[in-house]
Amino acid sequence: MTNALLSVQIIPKTKNGEDTIPFVDEAIAVIEESGVKYQVNPLETTMEGELSELFQIVEKMNQKMTERGCPSVISQVKVFYKPDGASMDQLTEKYR
C-alpha cells in the first residue's frame, strides 16, 4: 500500500535559454523508469508511492537536469501523506 502522493513541477534553468520542454520530458522519463504510478498534468506531475521513494525520484530528476547541463533547477513539491494509505483515485473519485 502506498502512503503518499507527491506532485512536482521541475523548472530547469538552461545554459543558453533553450526551450525547457525537452528537459521536462527527460525529468518525466525518470519517473517513468522508476515504475511508480504517476499522472502528468499541465503544470505538474503527480506520483503515488512510499514517501521516501518519491523524494528519491525527485532527487534523480534534479540530478538528470544537471547532467544535461542545467546550472540549477527549481523543484516545486507538494506532498499528501497518509500512513494508512493514499491514492490518486481515492482523492479524486468523487469528481469522476
N, C-alpha and C. Protein backbone atom coordinates (compact mmCIF):
# COMPACT_ATOMS: atom_id res chain seq x y z
N MET A 1 0.84 -1.18 0.00
CA MET A 1 0.00 0.00 0.00
C MET A 1 0.88 1.24 0.00
N THR A 2 0.51 2.21 -0.79
CA THR A 2 1.27 3.47 -0.84
C THR A 2 0.82 4.39 0.28
N ASN A 3 1.72 5.26 0.71
CA ASN A 3 1.37 6.17 1.80
C ASN A 3 1.46 7.63 1.43
N ALA A 4 1.76 7.93 0.16
CA ALA A 4 1.92 9.35 -0.19
C ALA A 4 1.63 9.62 -1.65
N LEU A 5 1.19 10.85 -1.88
CA LEU A 5 1.12 11.42 -3.21
C LEU A 5 2.08 12.59 -3.21
N LEU A 6 2.84 12.72 -4.27
CA LEU A 6 3.79 13.83 -4.38
C LEU A 6 3.63 14.44 -5.77
N SER A 7 3.33 15.73 -5.80
CA SER A 7 3.26 16.45 -7.07
C SER A 7 4.51 17.29 -7.20
N VAL A 8 5.10 17.27 -8.39
CA VAL A 8 6.34 18.01 -8.60
C VAL A 8 6.28 18.77 -9.92
N GLN A 9 6.78 19.97 -9.88
CA GLN A 9 6.98 20.77 -11.07
C GLN A 9 8.47 21.07 -11.13
N ILE A 10 9.11 20.62 -12.19
CA ILE A 10 10.54 20.85 -12.39
C ILE A 10 10.71 22.06 -13.30
N ILE A 11 11.51 23.02 -12.86
CA ILE A 11 11.79 24.21 -13.66
C ILE A 11 13.31 24.31 -13.83
N PRO A 12 13.82 23.73 -14.92
CA PRO A 12 15.26 23.77 -15.13
C PRO A 12 15.72 25.11 -15.70
N LYS A 13 16.84 25.59 -15.22
CA LYS A 13 17.47 26.76 -15.83
C LYS A 13 18.42 26.22 -16.89
N THR A 14 18.22 26.64 -18.12
CA THR A 14 19.07 26.15 -19.20
C THR A 14 20.22 27.12 -19.43
N LYS A 15 21.34 26.59 -19.91
CA LYS A 15 22.55 27.41 -20.09
C LYS A 15 22.35 28.54 -21.09
N ASN A 16 21.70 28.24 -22.19
CA ASN A 16 21.61 29.22 -23.27
C ASN A 16 20.17 29.62 -23.60
N GLY A 17 19.29 29.49 -22.62
CA GLY A 17 17.90 29.88 -22.82
C GLY A 17 17.11 28.95 -23.73
N GLU A 18 17.55 27.68 -23.81
CA GLU A 18 16.84 26.71 -24.63
C GLU A 18 15.43 26.48 -24.10
N ASP A 19 14.58 25.96 -24.97
CA ASP A 19 13.24 25.55 -24.58
C ASP A 19 13.36 24.50 -23.48
N THR A 20 12.60 24.62 -22.42
CA THR A 20 12.71 23.70 -21.29
C THR A 20 11.90 22.42 -21.47
N ILE A 21 10.98 22.39 -22.43
CA ILE A 21 10.11 21.22 -22.58
C ILE A 21 10.89 19.92 -22.78
N PRO A 22 11.93 19.87 -23.62
CA PRO A 22 12.68 18.62 -23.74
C PRO A 22 13.34 18.19 -22.42
N PHE A 23 13.72 19.15 -21.60
CA PHE A 23 14.29 18.84 -20.29
C PHE A 23 13.22 18.26 -19.37
N VAL A 24 12.05 18.87 -19.39
CA VAL A 24 10.93 18.38 -18.57
C VAL A 24 10.55 16.97 -19.02
N ASP A 25 10.56 16.72 -20.32
CA ASP A 25 10.28 15.37 -20.83
C ASP A 25 11.27 14.36 -20.24
N GLU A 26 12.53 14.75 -20.13
CA GLU A 26 13.53 13.84 -19.55
C GLU A 26 13.28 13.63 -18.06
N ALA A 27 12.83 14.67 -17.37
CA ALA A 27 12.50 14.52 -15.95
C ALA A 27 11.33 13.55 -15.78
N ILE A 28 10.34 13.65 -16.65
CA ILE A 28 9.20 12.73 -16.59
C ILE A 28 9.65 11.31 -16.92
N ALA A 29 10.63 11.17 -17.80
CA ALA A 29 11.17 9.84 -18.12
C ALA A 29 11.80 9.20 -16.88
N VAL A 30 12.38 10.00 -16.00
CA VAL A 30 12.93 9.47 -14.75
C VAL A 30 11.81 8.84 -13.91
N ILE A 31 10.67 9.51 -13.88
CA ILE A 31 9.51 8.97 -13.15
C ILE A 31 9.06 7.67 -13.81
N GLU A 32 8.94 7.69 -15.13
CA GLU A 32 8.52 6.50 -15.87
C GLU A 32 9.41 5.31 -15.55
N GLU A 33 10.72 5.54 -15.55
CA GLU A 33 11.69 4.48 -15.28
C GLU A 33 11.59 3.94 -13.85
N SER A 34 11.08 4.75 -12.94
CA SER A 34 11.00 4.33 -11.53
C SER A 34 9.94 3.25 -11.31
N GLY A 35 8.92 3.23 -12.17
CA GLY A 35 7.86 2.25 -12.03
C GLY A 35 6.71 2.65 -11.12
N VAL A 36 6.77 3.84 -10.50
CA VAL A 36 5.66 4.27 -9.65
C VAL A 36 4.49 4.72 -10.52
N LYS A 37 3.30 4.66 -9.95
CA LYS A 37 2.12 5.18 -10.64
C LYS A 37 2.25 6.69 -10.68
N TYR A 38 1.93 7.28 -11.85
CA TYR A 38 2.02 8.74 -11.96
C TYR A 38 1.02 9.25 -12.97
N GLN A 39 0.77 10.55 -12.90
CA GLN A 39 -0.13 11.20 -13.84
C GLN A 39 0.46 12.56 -14.20
N VAL A 40 0.64 12.79 -15.49
CA VAL A 40 1.15 14.08 -15.96
C VAL A 40 -0.03 15.02 -16.13
N ASN A 41 0.08 16.21 -15.55
CA ASN A 41 -0.92 17.26 -15.67
C ASN A 41 -0.26 18.47 -16.33
N PRO A 42 -1.03 19.46 -16.72
CA PRO A 42 -0.44 20.58 -17.46
C PRO A 42 0.69 21.32 -16.73
N LEU A 43 0.61 21.45 -15.42
CA LEU A 43 1.61 22.23 -14.69
C LEU A 43 2.45 21.45 -13.70
N GLU A 44 2.14 20.18 -13.52
CA GLU A 44 2.89 19.35 -12.58
C GLU A 44 2.57 17.89 -12.84
N THR A 45 3.40 17.03 -12.29
CA THR A 45 3.18 15.59 -12.39
C THR A 45 3.01 15.03 -10.99
N THR A 46 2.00 14.19 -10.80
CA THR A 46 1.72 13.60 -9.50
C THR A 46 2.13 12.13 -9.52
N MET A 47 2.85 11.74 -8.46
CA MET A 47 3.29 10.36 -8.29
C MET A 47 2.62 9.78 -7.05
N GLU A 48 2.50 8.45 -7.04
CA GLU A 48 1.89 7.73 -5.93
C GLU A 48 2.88 6.66 -5.47
N GLY A 49 3.18 6.62 -4.17
CA GLY A 49 4.10 5.61 -3.68
C GLY A 49 4.48 5.83 -2.24
N GLU A 50 5.59 5.24 -1.85
CA GLU A 50 6.13 5.44 -0.50
C GLU A 50 6.87 6.77 -0.47
N LEU A 51 6.65 7.56 0.57
CA LEU A 51 7.17 8.92 0.63
C LEU A 51 8.68 8.97 0.38
N SER A 52 9.43 8.11 1.02
CA SER A 52 10.89 8.15 0.86
C SER A 52 11.29 7.85 -0.59
N GLU A 53 10.61 6.92 -1.23
CA GLU A 53 10.91 6.59 -2.63
C GLU A 53 10.59 7.78 -3.54
N LEU A 54 9.48 8.46 -3.27
CA LEU A 54 9.10 9.59 -4.11
C LEU A 54 10.11 10.72 -4.01
N PHE A 55 10.61 10.98 -2.81
CA PHE A 55 11.65 12.02 -2.66
C PHE A 55 12.94 11.61 -3.38
N GLN A 56 13.25 10.33 -3.40
CA GLN A 56 14.44 9.86 -4.14
C GLN A 56 14.26 10.10 -5.64
N ILE A 57 13.05 9.93 -6.13
CA ILE A 57 12.79 10.18 -7.55
C ILE A 57 12.97 11.65 -7.88
N VAL A 58 12.49 12.53 -7.00
CA VAL A 58 12.69 13.97 -7.21
C VAL A 58 14.19 14.29 -7.25
N GLU A 59 14.94 13.67 -6.37
CA GLU A 59 16.39 13.88 -6.37
C GLU A 59 17.01 13.44 -7.70
N LYS A 60 16.58 12.29 -8.22
CA LYS A 60 17.10 11.80 -9.50
C LYS A 60 16.70 12.73 -10.65
N MET A 61 15.50 13.29 -10.57
CA MET A 61 15.06 14.23 -11.60
C MET A 61 15.98 15.45 -11.63
N ASN A 62 16.29 15.96 -10.45
CA ASN A 62 17.20 17.12 -10.36
C ASN A 62 18.59 16.77 -10.87
N GLN A 63 19.07 15.61 -10.51
CA GLN A 63 20.39 15.17 -10.98
C GLN A 63 20.41 15.05 -12.50
N LYS A 64 19.34 14.53 -13.08
CA LYS A 64 19.25 14.40 -14.54
C LYS A 64 19.36 15.76 -15.21
N MET A 65 18.73 16.78 -14.63
CA MET A 65 18.78 18.12 -15.21
C MET A 65 20.21 18.67 -15.19
N THR A 66 20.91 18.47 -14.07
CA THR A 66 22.29 18.98 -14.01
C THR A 66 23.21 18.18 -14.91
N GLU A 67 22.95 16.88 -15.07
CA GLU A 67 23.73 16.06 -16.01
C GLU A 67 23.55 16.57 -17.44
N ARG A 68 22.37 17.10 -17.74
CA ARG A 68 22.08 17.64 -19.07
C ARG A 68 22.60 19.07 -19.24
N GLY A 69 23.29 19.59 -18.22
CA GLY A 69 23.92 20.89 -18.36
C GLY A 69 23.19 22.06 -17.74
N CYS A 70 22.11 21.80 -17.04
CA CYS A 70 21.40 22.89 -16.37
C CYS A 70 22.21 23.32 -15.15
N PRO A 71 22.52 24.61 -15.04
CA PRO A 71 23.28 25.06 -13.88
C PRO A 71 22.49 25.01 -12.58
N SER A 72 21.15 25.07 -12.68
CA SER A 72 20.31 24.98 -11.47
C SER A 72 18.92 24.52 -11.86
N VAL A 73 18.17 24.10 -10.84
CA VAL A 73 16.82 23.57 -11.04
C VAL A 73 15.96 24.01 -9.86
N ILE A 74 14.75 24.42 -10.15
CA ILE A 74 13.77 24.66 -9.09
C ILE A 74 12.78 23.50 -9.15
N SER A 75 12.53 22.89 -8.01
CA SER A 75 11.53 21.82 -7.91
C SER A 75 10.47 22.27 -6.92
N GLN A 76 9.28 22.48 -7.42
CA GLN A 76 8.17 22.81 -6.54
C GLN A 76 7.45 21.50 -6.22
N VAL A 77 7.36 21.20 -4.93
CA VAL A 77 6.85 19.90 -4.49
C VAL A 77 5.68 20.09 -3.52
N LYS A 78 4.64 19.27 -3.74
CA LYS A 78 3.51 19.20 -2.81
C LYS A 78 3.36 17.75 -2.38
N VAL A 79 3.10 17.53 -1.11
CA VAL A 79 3.01 16.17 -0.59
C VAL A 79 1.71 15.99 0.18
N PHE A 80 1.06 14.86 -0.10
CA PHE A 80 -0.06 14.39 0.71
C PHE A 80 0.42 13.08 1.33
N TYR A 81 0.49 13.04 2.64
CA TYR A 81 0.99 11.86 3.35
C TYR A 81 -0.09 11.31 4.26
N LYS A 82 -0.36 10.02 4.11
CA LYS A 82 -1.37 9.35 4.94
C LYS A 82 -0.85 7.93 5.21
N PRO A 83 -0.31 7.70 6.40
CA PRO A 83 0.33 6.42 6.70
C PRO A 83 -0.51 5.18 6.42
N ASP A 84 -1.84 5.28 6.56
CA ASP A 84 -2.66 4.09 6.34
C ASP A 84 -3.14 3.96 4.89
N GLY A 85 -2.60 4.77 4.00
CA GLY A 85 -2.89 4.60 2.58
C GLY A 85 -3.32 5.87 1.88
N ALA A 86 -2.72 6.11 0.72
CA ALA A 86 -3.04 7.27 -0.09
C ALA A 86 -3.04 6.86 -1.55
N SER A 87 -4.03 7.35 -2.29
CA SER A 87 -4.06 7.07 -3.73
C SER A 87 -4.70 8.23 -4.47
N MET A 88 -4.26 8.41 -5.71
CA MET A 88 -4.84 9.46 -6.55
C MET A 88 -6.31 9.16 -6.80
N ASP A 89 -6.62 7.91 -7.08
CA ASP A 89 -8.01 7.54 -7.38
C ASP A 89 -8.93 7.84 -6.20
N GLN A 90 -8.46 7.53 -5.01
CA GLN A 90 -9.27 7.74 -3.81
C GLN A 90 -9.57 9.23 -3.61
N LEU A 91 -8.59 10.08 -3.85
CA LEU A 91 -8.78 11.51 -3.63
C LEU A 91 -9.64 12.17 -4.70
N THR A 92 -9.70 11.58 -5.88
CA THR A 92 -10.41 12.23 -6.98
C THR A 92 -11.68 11.51 -7.43
N GLU A 93 -12.00 10.39 -6.82
CA GLU A 93 -13.14 9.59 -7.30
C GLU A 93 -14.45 10.37 -7.30
N LYS A 94 -14.67 11.28 -6.38
CA LYS A 94 -15.95 12.00 -6.35
C LYS A 94 -16.10 12.97 -7.52
N TYR A 95 -15.01 13.22 -8.25
CA TYR A 95 -15.05 14.13 -9.39
C TYR A 95 -15.22 13.40 -10.72
N ARG A 96 -15.29 12.11 -10.66
CA ARG A 96 -15.39 11.32 -11.91
C ARG A 96 -16.75 10.73 -12.08
